């Protein structure tokens, strides 16, 4: 499973982490569809769930200006020794809004989610 990451920078300053959450749609199966689909969301604006959100600390120091964007992709995979634990690989780059500003180097981090 993979996803794109795009975070707009609204205030100039250091960027230390990305935050993540998930949405799951329960639609039943092809053999037994549900009449009323249900969506479970852990998005912070929807209130508390016991799953909550996850903070992913970034490596190295990165300073962003207003208008820049953190852009990249994430890939989620089960760990081979336990299918209930995960690896989350995130590759990201700071894309500069100003054409004369140098872009940050691409970085990749592996997170272990137990």
Foldseek 3Di string as FASTA:
>chain_A
DKDKDKFADAAWFKDWWDKAWDKDKQQDDPVDGDPDIDIDTQDPVVDDDPVHMDIGTDPDIDTAHHGKMKIWMKDWDADPVDRVKIKIKTWIWIGHPDPPDDIGDIDIDIDIGD
